N, C-alpha and C. Protein backbone atom coordinates (compact mmCIF):
# COMPACT_ATOMS: atom_id res chain seq x y z
N MET A 1 0.87 -1.31 0.16
CA MET A 1 0.16 0.11 0.11
C MET A 1 0.77 1.37 0.13
N ASN A 2 0.54 2.10 -0.77
CA ASN A 2 1.35 3.51 -0.72
C ASN A 2 0.93 4.34 0.30
N GLU A 3 1.57 4.78 1.05
CA GLU A 3 1.41 5.46 2.11
C GLU A 3 0.51 6.71 1.93
N ASN A 4 0.28 7.50 1.00
CA ASN A 4 -0.45 8.53 0.37
C ASN A 4 -1.75 7.82 0.07
N GLU A 5 -1.97 6.65 0.05
CA GLU A 5 -3.03 6.11 -0.64
C GLU A 5 -4.30 6.11 0.11
N ILE A 6 -5.62 6.42 -0.46
CA ILE A 6 -6.70 6.33 0.31
C ILE A 6 -7.22 4.92 0.08
N ILE A 7 -7.87 4.32 0.87
CA ILE A 7 -8.42 2.64 0.72
C ILE A 7 -9.79 2.91 0.74
N ALA A 8 -10.60 2.53 -0.07
CA ALA A 8 -11.90 2.54 0.23
C ALA A 8 -12.67 1.29 -0.18
N TYR A 9 -13.69 0.97 0.50
CA TYR A 9 -14.60 -0.08 -0.08
C TYR A 9 -15.89 0.23 -0.36
N THR A 10 -16.49 -0.11 -1.43
CA THR A 10 -17.83 0.44 -2.05
C THR A 10 -18.93 -0.93 -2.07
N ASP A 11 -19.94 -0.64 -2.04
CA ASP A 11 -21.03 -1.41 -2.23
C ASP A 11 -22.18 -0.92 -2.50
N GLY A 12 -22.88 -1.72 -3.37
CA GLY A 12 -24.60 -1.43 -3.49
C GLY A 12 -25.31 -2.52 -3.14
N ALA A 13 -26.76 -2.00 -3.10
CA ALA A 13 -27.87 -3.01 -2.44
C ALA A 13 -29.13 -2.68 -2.94
N CYS A 14 -29.93 -3.55 -3.23
CA CYS A 14 -31.44 -3.19 -3.92
C CYS A 14 -32.25 -4.13 -3.24
N LYS A 15 -33.53 -3.49 -2.73
CA LYS A 15 -34.60 -4.40 -2.27
C LYS A 15 -35.65 -4.42 -3.55
N GLY A 16 -35.42 -5.61 -4.35
CA GLY A 16 -36.00 -5.80 -5.39
C GLY A 16 -35.01 -5.48 -6.47
N ASN A 17 -35.18 -5.92 -7.64
CA ASN A 17 -34.10 -5.64 -8.79
C ASN A 17 -34.74 -5.62 -9.99
N PRO A 18 -35.39 -4.49 -10.47
CA PRO A 18 -35.16 -3.02 -9.78
C PRO A 18 -36.02 -2.96 -8.68
N GLY A 19 -35.54 -1.93 -8.18
CA GLY A 19 -36.26 -1.49 -6.93
C GLY A 19 -35.57 -0.41 -6.06
N ILE A 20 -36.03 -0.22 -4.69
CA ILE A 20 -35.37 0.80 -3.97
C ILE A 20 -33.77 0.34 -3.72
N GLY A 21 -32.97 1.19 -3.97
CA GLY A 21 -31.51 0.87 -3.82
C GLY A 21 -30.84 1.77 -3.04
N GLY A 22 -29.70 1.22 -2.47
CA GLY A 22 -28.93 2.10 -1.72
C GLY A 22 -27.16 1.74 -1.99
N TRP A 23 -26.39 2.86 -1.82
CA TRP A 23 -25.07 2.41 -2.03
C TRP A 23 -24.39 2.97 -0.87
N GLY A 24 -23.23 2.49 -0.70
CA GLY A 24 -22.39 3.06 0.55
C GLY A 24 -20.85 2.65 0.28
N ALA A 25 -20.19 3.50 1.05
CA ALA A 25 -18.64 3.31 1.04
C ALA A 25 -18.02 3.65 2.16
N VAL A 26 -17.05 3.17 2.56
CA VAL A 26 -16.01 3.65 3.86
C VAL A 26 -14.39 3.75 3.35
N LEU A 27 -14.13 5.08 3.33
CA LEU A 27 -12.92 5.46 2.88
C LEU A 27 -12.00 5.73 4.19
N SER A 28 -10.33 5.13 4.18
CA SER A 28 -9.88 5.45 5.09
C SER A 28 -8.47 6.10 4.62
N PHE A 29 -8.00 6.83 5.53
CA PHE A 29 -6.69 7.48 5.14
C PHE A 29 -6.14 7.96 6.57
N ASP A 30 -4.78 7.67 6.56
CA ASP A 30 -4.06 8.23 7.70
C ASP A 30 -4.81 7.93 9.08
N GLY A 31 -5.41 7.18 9.32
CA GLY A 31 -6.04 6.83 10.56
C GLY A 31 -7.43 7.40 10.45
N LYS A 32 -7.87 8.10 9.48
CA LYS A 32 -9.29 8.50 9.62
C LYS A 32 -10.20 7.84 8.63
N ILE A 33 -11.48 7.69 9.05
CA ILE A 33 -12.44 7.42 8.34
C ILE A 33 -13.47 7.96 7.95
N LYS A 34 -14.12 7.98 6.87
CA LYS A 34 -15.10 8.70 6.33
C LYS A 34 -16.11 7.74 5.65
N GLU A 35 -17.49 7.81 6.28
CA GLU A 35 -18.43 7.02 5.81
C GLU A 35 -19.56 7.57 5.04
N ILE A 36 -19.99 7.25 3.65
CA ILE A 36 -21.10 8.06 3.09
C ILE A 36 -21.80 6.65 2.40
N CYS A 37 -23.31 7.31 2.36
CA CYS A 37 -24.45 6.45 1.67
C CYS A 37 -25.26 7.44 0.95
N GLY A 38 -26.08 6.49 0.22
CA GLY A 38 -27.26 7.36 -0.23
C GLY A 38 -28.20 6.29 -0.76
N GLY A 39 -29.27 6.70 -1.55
CA GLY A 39 -30.10 5.79 -2.03
C GLY A 39 -31.04 6.35 -3.24
N GLU A 40 -31.57 5.40 -4.07
CA GLU A 40 -32.47 5.80 -5.15
C GLU A 40 -33.87 5.01 -5.19
N GLN A 41 -34.63 5.43 -5.51
CA GLN A 41 -36.20 4.90 -5.33
C GLN A 41 -36.34 3.78 -6.36
N ASP A 42 -35.88 3.96 -7.49
CA ASP A 42 -36.38 2.77 -8.71
C ASP A 42 -34.95 2.61 -9.44
N THR A 43 -34.13 1.88 -9.08
CA THR A 43 -32.78 1.32 -9.55
C THR A 43 -32.69 -0.11 -9.49
N THR A 44 -31.52 -0.21 -10.00
CA THR A 44 -30.98 -1.64 -9.91
C THR A 44 -29.53 -1.86 -9.04
N ASN A 45 -29.37 -3.18 -8.65
CA ASN A 45 -28.13 -3.48 -8.00
C ASN A 45 -26.80 -2.77 -8.68
N ASN A 46 -26.92 -3.14 -10.00
CA ASN A 46 -25.57 -2.77 -10.76
C ASN A 46 -25.29 -1.19 -10.66
N ARG A 47 -26.74 -0.53 -10.88
CA ARG A 47 -26.72 0.77 -10.53
C ARG A 47 -25.93 1.48 -9.55
N MET A 48 -26.45 0.97 -8.21
CA MET A 48 -26.08 1.21 -6.95
C MET A 48 -24.52 0.66 -6.72
N GLU A 49 -23.99 -0.25 -7.30
CA GLU A 49 -22.78 -0.57 -7.17
C GLU A 49 -21.66 0.53 -8.08
N LEU A 50 -22.13 0.86 -9.19
CA LEU A 50 -21.56 1.93 -9.76
C LEU A 50 -21.65 3.37 -8.89
N MET A 51 -22.72 3.59 -8.65
CA MET A 51 -23.07 4.88 -7.66
C MET A 51 -21.93 4.98 -6.38
N ALA A 52 -21.80 3.65 -6.04
CA ALA A 52 -20.89 3.75 -4.68
C ALA A 52 -19.47 4.10 -5.01
N ALA A 53 -19.07 3.63 -6.28
CA ALA A 53 -17.79 3.95 -6.68
C ALA A 53 -17.50 5.47 -7.08
N ILE A 54 -18.84 5.94 -7.94
CA ILE A 54 -18.84 7.31 -8.20
C ILE A 54 -18.92 8.32 -7.06
N GLU A 55 -19.57 8.08 -6.18
CA GLU A 55 -19.62 8.94 -4.88
C GLU A 55 -18.51 8.83 -4.24
N THR A 56 -17.81 7.66 -4.25
CA THR A 56 -16.45 7.77 -3.36
C THR A 56 -15.48 8.59 -4.01
N LEU A 57 -15.50 8.69 -5.38
CA LEU A 57 -14.22 9.51 -6.28
C LEU A 57 -14.92 11.01 -6.13
N ARG A 58 -16.19 11.01 -6.15
CA ARG A 58 -16.80 12.74 -6.00
C ARG A 58 -16.38 13.10 -4.75
N THR A 59 -16.01 12.23 -3.52
CA THR A 59 -15.85 12.91 -2.21
C THR A 59 -14.43 13.41 -2.14
N LEU A 60 -13.84 12.97 -2.94
CA LEU A 60 -12.17 13.24 -2.79
C LEU A 60 -11.96 14.92 -3.30
N LYS A 61 -11.45 15.76 -2.52
CA LYS A 61 -11.20 17.33 -2.86
C LYS A 61 -10.12 17.44 -3.94
N LYS A 62 -9.18 16.42 -3.81
CA LYS A 62 -7.97 16.78 -4.76
C LYS A 62 -7.64 15.53 -5.46
N SER A 63 -6.81 15.60 -6.47
CA SER A 63 -6.51 14.37 -7.25
C SER A 63 -5.51 13.58 -6.52
N CYS A 64 -5.69 12.18 -6.22
CA CYS A 64 -4.85 11.50 -5.38
C CYS A 64 -4.91 10.18 -5.70
N PRO A 65 -3.96 9.23 -5.11
CA PRO A 65 -3.98 7.94 -5.30
C PRO A 65 -5.24 7.27 -4.28
N ILE A 66 -5.85 6.14 -5.02
CA ILE A 66 -6.85 5.69 -4.18
C ILE A 66 -7.01 4.31 -4.48
N LYS A 67 -7.14 3.20 -3.43
CA LYS A 67 -7.44 1.98 -3.84
C LYS A 67 -8.88 1.62 -3.54
N ILE A 68 -9.59 1.14 -4.61
CA ILE A 68 -11.16 0.89 -4.33
C ILE A 68 -11.38 -0.75 -4.55
N TYR A 69 -11.91 -1.19 -3.30
CA TYR A 69 -12.33 -2.35 -3.26
C TYR A 69 -13.78 -2.62 -3.62
N THR A 70 -14.12 -3.47 -4.58
CA THR A 70 -15.60 -3.57 -4.91
C THR A 70 -15.98 -5.13 -4.92
N ASP A 71 -17.10 -5.52 -4.37
CA ASP A 71 -17.47 -6.90 -4.58
C ASP A 71 -18.46 -7.22 -5.89
N SER A 72 -18.38 -6.29 -6.45
CA SER A 72 -19.19 -6.26 -7.90
C SER A 72 -18.45 -6.74 -9.01
N LYS A 73 -18.43 -7.94 -9.50
CA LYS A 73 -17.87 -8.36 -10.70
C LYS A 73 -18.07 -7.38 -11.76
N TYR A 74 -19.24 -7.00 -11.90
CA TYR A 74 -19.79 -6.04 -13.16
C TYR A 74 -18.96 -4.89 -12.95
N VAL A 75 -18.57 -4.10 -11.89
CA VAL A 75 -17.96 -2.92 -11.71
C VAL A 75 -16.25 -3.32 -12.01
N GLN A 76 -16.00 -4.25 -11.60
CA GLN A 76 -14.68 -4.96 -11.61
C GLN A 76 -14.14 -4.93 -13.16
N ASN A 77 -15.09 -5.97 -13.85
CA ASN A 77 -14.87 -6.13 -15.23
C ASN A 77 -14.98 -5.08 -16.04
N GLY A 78 -16.23 -4.24 -15.79
CA GLY A 78 -16.51 -2.95 -16.53
C GLY A 78 -15.25 -2.19 -16.60
N ILE A 79 -14.78 -1.91 -15.31
CA ILE A 79 -13.54 -0.68 -15.33
C ILE A 79 -12.25 -1.30 -15.95
N LYS A 80 -11.97 -2.49 -15.70
CA LYS A 80 -10.77 -3.03 -15.99
C LYS A 80 -10.58 -3.81 -17.39
N SER A 81 -11.65 -4.05 -17.93
CA SER A 81 -11.73 -5.05 -19.20
C SER A 81 -12.91 -4.50 -20.32
N TRP A 82 -13.88 -4.08 -19.99
CA TRP A 82 -14.78 -3.82 -21.07
C TRP A 82 -14.83 -2.12 -21.26
N LEU A 83 -14.54 -1.15 -20.50
CA LEU A 83 -14.53 0.17 -20.68
C LEU A 83 -13.83 0.80 -21.88
N ALA A 84 -12.65 0.38 -22.15
CA ALA A 84 -11.91 0.94 -23.23
C ALA A 84 -12.38 0.43 -24.64
N ASN A 85 -13.07 -0.81 -24.73
CA ASN A 85 -13.71 -1.28 -25.88
C ASN A 85 -14.94 -0.26 -26.32
N TRP A 86 -15.76 -0.23 -25.17
CA TRP A 86 -17.04 0.53 -25.07
C TRP A 86 -16.86 1.90 -25.74
N LYS A 87 -15.64 2.60 -25.11
CA LYS A 87 -15.37 3.89 -25.67
C LYS A 87 -15.00 3.88 -27.00
N ALA A 88 -14.11 2.96 -27.49
CA ALA A 88 -13.80 2.72 -28.79
C ALA A 88 -14.88 2.51 -30.10
N ASN A 89 -15.78 1.73 -29.25
CA ASN A 89 -17.01 1.69 -30.11
C ASN A 89 -18.11 2.41 -29.86
N GLY A 90 -17.82 3.64 -29.45
CA GLY A 90 -19.02 4.69 -29.31
C GLY A 90 -20.00 4.20 -28.28
N TRP A 91 -19.71 3.50 -27.06
CA TRP A 91 -20.34 3.16 -25.99
C TRP A 91 -21.32 1.95 -26.62
N LYS A 92 -20.96 1.15 -27.36
CA LYS A 92 -21.70 0.06 -27.90
C LYS A 92 -21.03 -1.04 -27.35
N THR A 93 -21.82 -2.26 -26.84
CA THR A 93 -21.05 -3.62 -26.75
C THR A 93 -20.68 -4.09 -27.94
N ALA A 94 -20.00 -5.47 -27.80
CA ALA A 94 -19.44 -5.86 -28.74
C ALA A 94 -20.58 -6.50 -29.48
N ALA A 95 -21.62 -6.63 -29.18
CA ALA A 95 -22.68 -7.06 -29.93
C ALA A 95 -23.39 -5.97 -30.53
N LYS A 96 -22.89 -4.75 -30.37
CA LYS A 96 -23.48 -3.64 -31.18
C LYS A 96 -24.65 -3.03 -30.37
N LYS A 97 -24.84 -3.52 -29.12
CA LYS A 97 -25.90 -2.89 -28.19
C LYS A 97 -25.58 -1.76 -27.57
N GLU A 98 -26.53 -0.87 -26.93
CA GLU A 98 -26.28 0.62 -26.16
C GLU A 98 -25.68 -0.19 -24.73
N VAL A 99 -24.41 0.35 -24.29
CA VAL A 99 -24.18 0.01 -22.94
C VAL A 99 -25.17 0.24 -21.98
N LYS A 100 -25.34 -0.82 -21.00
CA LYS A 100 -26.41 -0.62 -20.10
C LYS A 100 -25.78 0.23 -18.90
N ASN A 101 -26.29 1.34 -18.37
CA ASN A 101 -25.91 2.25 -17.29
C ASN A 101 -24.85 2.99 -18.12
N LYS A 102 -24.85 3.30 -19.17
CA LYS A 102 -23.71 4.36 -20.11
C LYS A 102 -23.68 5.55 -19.27
N ASP A 103 -24.72 6.18 -18.62
CA ASP A 103 -24.47 7.33 -18.06
C ASP A 103 -23.72 7.28 -16.75
N LEU A 104 -23.90 6.09 -16.20
CA LEU A 104 -22.76 6.04 -14.70
C LEU A 104 -21.41 5.52 -15.25
N TRP A 105 -21.48 4.67 -16.10
CA TRP A 105 -20.03 4.34 -16.57
C TRP A 105 -19.33 5.72 -17.05
N GLN A 106 -20.05 6.35 -17.86
CA GLN A 106 -19.40 7.71 -18.58
C GLN A 106 -18.81 8.70 -17.26
N GLN A 107 -19.65 8.71 -16.03
CA GLN A 107 -19.07 9.59 -14.97
C GLN A 107 -18.23 8.96 -14.06
N LEU A 108 -18.48 7.62 -14.00
CA LEU A 108 -17.18 6.73 -13.31
C LEU A 108 -15.74 6.97 -14.22
N ASP A 109 -16.02 6.79 -15.47
CA ASP A 109 -14.73 6.90 -16.46
C ASP A 109 -14.16 8.56 -16.24
N THR A 110 -14.87 9.59 -16.28
CA THR A 110 -14.51 10.80 -15.95
C THR A 110 -13.75 10.93 -14.63
N LEU A 111 -14.32 10.46 -13.53
CA LEU A 111 -13.84 10.92 -12.34
C LEU A 111 -12.57 9.88 -11.89
N SER A 112 -12.66 8.85 -12.73
CA SER A 112 -11.40 7.88 -12.48
C SER A 112 -10.27 8.28 -13.19
N GLN A 113 -10.35 9.23 -14.30
CA GLN A 113 -9.27 9.83 -14.95
C GLN A 113 -8.69 11.24 -14.07
N GLN A 114 -9.33 11.65 -12.96
CA GLN A 114 -8.73 12.70 -12.24
C GLN A 114 -8.12 12.14 -11.05
N HIS A 115 -7.82 10.98 -10.88
CA HIS A 115 -7.16 10.31 -9.73
C HIS A 115 -6.46 9.19 -10.07
N THR A 116 -5.37 8.73 -9.51
CA THR A 116 -4.77 7.44 -9.65
C THR A 116 -5.41 6.30 -8.89
N VAL A 117 -6.42 5.61 -9.51
CA VAL A 117 -7.09 4.70 -8.95
C VAL A 117 -6.62 2.94 -9.26
N THR A 118 -6.54 2.49 -8.21
CA THR A 118 -6.37 0.82 -8.56
C THR A 118 -7.68 0.32 -8.11
N TRP A 119 -8.01 -0.74 -8.71
CA TRP A 119 -9.30 -1.34 -8.54
C TRP A 119 -9.00 -2.85 -8.06
N ALA A 120 -9.82 -3.33 -7.09
CA ALA A 120 -9.44 -4.69 -6.41
C ALA A 120 -10.96 -5.13 -6.37
N TRP A 121 -11.02 -6.46 -6.48
CA TRP A 121 -12.17 -7.04 -5.96
C TRP A 121 -12.02 -8.04 -4.78
N VAL A 122 -12.83 -8.10 -3.98
CA VAL A 122 -13.31 -8.51 -2.82
C VAL A 122 -14.40 -9.34 -2.84
N LYS A 123 -14.39 -10.63 -2.28
CA LYS A 123 -15.57 -11.38 -2.21
C LYS A 123 -16.50 -10.82 -0.93
N GLY A 124 -17.79 -10.42 -1.49
CA GLY A 124 -18.67 -10.11 -0.81
C GLY A 124 -19.38 -11.16 0.26
N HIS A 125 -19.67 -10.58 1.51
CA HIS A 125 -20.14 -11.10 2.70
C HIS A 125 -19.42 -12.36 3.00
N SER A 126 -18.11 -12.06 3.04
CA SER A 126 -17.07 -13.20 3.23
C SER A 126 -16.10 -12.86 4.61
N GLY A 127 -16.68 -11.69 5.64
CA GLY A 127 -16.23 -11.48 6.56
C GLY A 127 -15.00 -10.59 6.46
N ASN A 128 -14.88 -9.65 5.38
CA ASN A 128 -14.09 -8.66 5.16
C ASN A 128 -14.43 -7.29 5.79
N ALA A 129 -14.06 -6.99 6.70
CA ALA A 129 -14.64 -5.69 7.60
C ALA A 129 -14.91 -4.63 6.81
N GLY A 130 -14.07 -4.20 5.86
CA GLY A 130 -14.44 -2.95 4.93
C GLY A 130 -15.57 -3.27 3.77
N ASN A 131 -15.65 -4.38 3.45
CA ASN A 131 -16.90 -4.85 2.50
C ASN A 131 -18.08 -4.91 3.38
N ASP A 132 -17.98 -5.54 4.67
CA ASP A 132 -18.97 -5.73 5.41
C ASP A 132 -19.68 -4.33 6.04
N LYS A 133 -18.70 -3.16 6.17
CA LYS A 133 -19.21 -1.97 6.45
C LYS A 133 -19.74 -1.19 5.20
N ALA A 134 -19.27 -1.44 4.00
CA ALA A 134 -19.89 -0.89 3.00
C ALA A 134 -21.30 -1.21 2.78
N ASP A 135 -21.38 -2.67 2.73
CA ASP A 135 -22.61 -3.20 2.87
C ASP A 135 -23.89 -2.66 3.82
N GLU A 136 -23.30 -2.69 4.73
CA GLU A 136 -24.23 -2.10 6.20
C GLU A 136 -24.47 -0.52 5.53
N LEU A 137 -23.68 0.37 5.10
CA LEU A 137 -23.98 1.50 4.59
C LEU A 137 -24.88 1.64 3.33
N ALA A 138 -24.61 0.87 2.68
CA ALA A 138 -25.49 0.41 1.45
C ALA A 138 -26.88 0.35 1.74
N ASN A 139 -27.01 -0.31 2.93
CA ASN A 139 -28.46 -0.76 3.47
C ASN A 139 -29.08 0.30 4.32
N ARG A 140 -28.03 1.00 4.88
CA ARG A 140 -28.37 2.29 5.50
C ARG A 140 -29.22 3.40 4.57
N GLY A 141 -28.49 3.39 3.41
CA GLY A 141 -28.92 4.49 2.34
C GLY A 141 -30.36 4.10 2.05
N ILE A 142 -30.77 2.56 1.93
CA ILE A 142 -31.99 2.26 1.65
C ILE A 142 -33.07 2.66 2.88
N THR A 143 -32.60 2.31 3.77
CA THR A 143 -33.47 2.80 5.04
C THR A 143 -33.75 4.27 5.16
N GLU A 144 -32.60 5.02 5.05
CA GLU A 144 -32.91 6.50 5.39
C GLU A 144 -33.62 6.91 4.25
N LEU A 145 -33.73 6.28 3.00
CA LEU A 145 -34.50 6.64 1.95
C LEU A 145 -35.82 6.37 2.13
N MET A 146 -36.19 5.19 2.62
CA MET A 146 -37.38 4.77 3.03
C MET A 146 -38.19 5.69 4.07
N GLU A 147 -37.53 5.89 5.02
CA GLU A 147 -37.68 6.96 6.31
C GLU A 147 -38.18 8.38 5.56
N ARG A 148 -37.38 8.90 4.56
CA ARG A 148 -37.64 10.13 4.27
C ARG A 148 -38.93 10.02 3.29
N SER A 149 -39.07 8.89 2.32
CA SER A 149 -40.06 8.68 1.66
C SER A 149 -41.59 8.47 2.41
N SER A 150 -41.42 7.95 3.70
CA SER A 150 -42.70 7.72 4.27
C SER A 150 -42.95 8.89 5.41
N GLY A 151 -42.06 10.03 5.27
CA GLY A 151 -42.43 11.04 6.31
C GLY A 151 -41.82 10.83 7.35
N LYS A 152 -41.14 9.57 7.93
CA LYS A 152 -40.71 9.40 9.12
C LYS A 152 -39.13 9.88 9.37
N SER A 153 -39.10 10.60 10.08
CA SER A 153 -37.39 11.06 10.49
C SER A 153 -36.85 10.45 11.77
N LYS A 154 -35.78 10.20 11.60
CA LYS A 154 -35.16 9.60 12.73
C LYS A 154 -35.05 10.68 14.36
N PRO A 155 -35.35 10.01 15.41
CA PRO A 155 -35.41 11.20 16.48
C PRO A 155 -33.92 11.89 16.66
């Protein structure tokens, strides 16, 4: 690990797919921890996985090295294997179809270029503390959105 590198764990969650979704991330740097989360009403798990990574990068105030752990093969494969071809093919898949979630992939691509990002995959629900915390935050994003939508607020 680079001593100046931020470490982030990201995760998305969905109640129904599509359904109400949440994203969460935990970032650590120099002994400090920052937790972020949010949610959307009508979304998919893949969109929430992407939003977790996007919001993680949006949180950064200046260009820096960051290692992002995701438990999403969709995000991992997309960013490391598919993205370059999608861009070269005008945001079309190898089957000449429009890339799903193109709007979010474009945002993630732009934000990734502003930092030195290392991507890593971690098995979900396997006892990894960072991944477990990101999952908890993603689910909190759902809970908070549901509370706001129903007019209930936390005491």
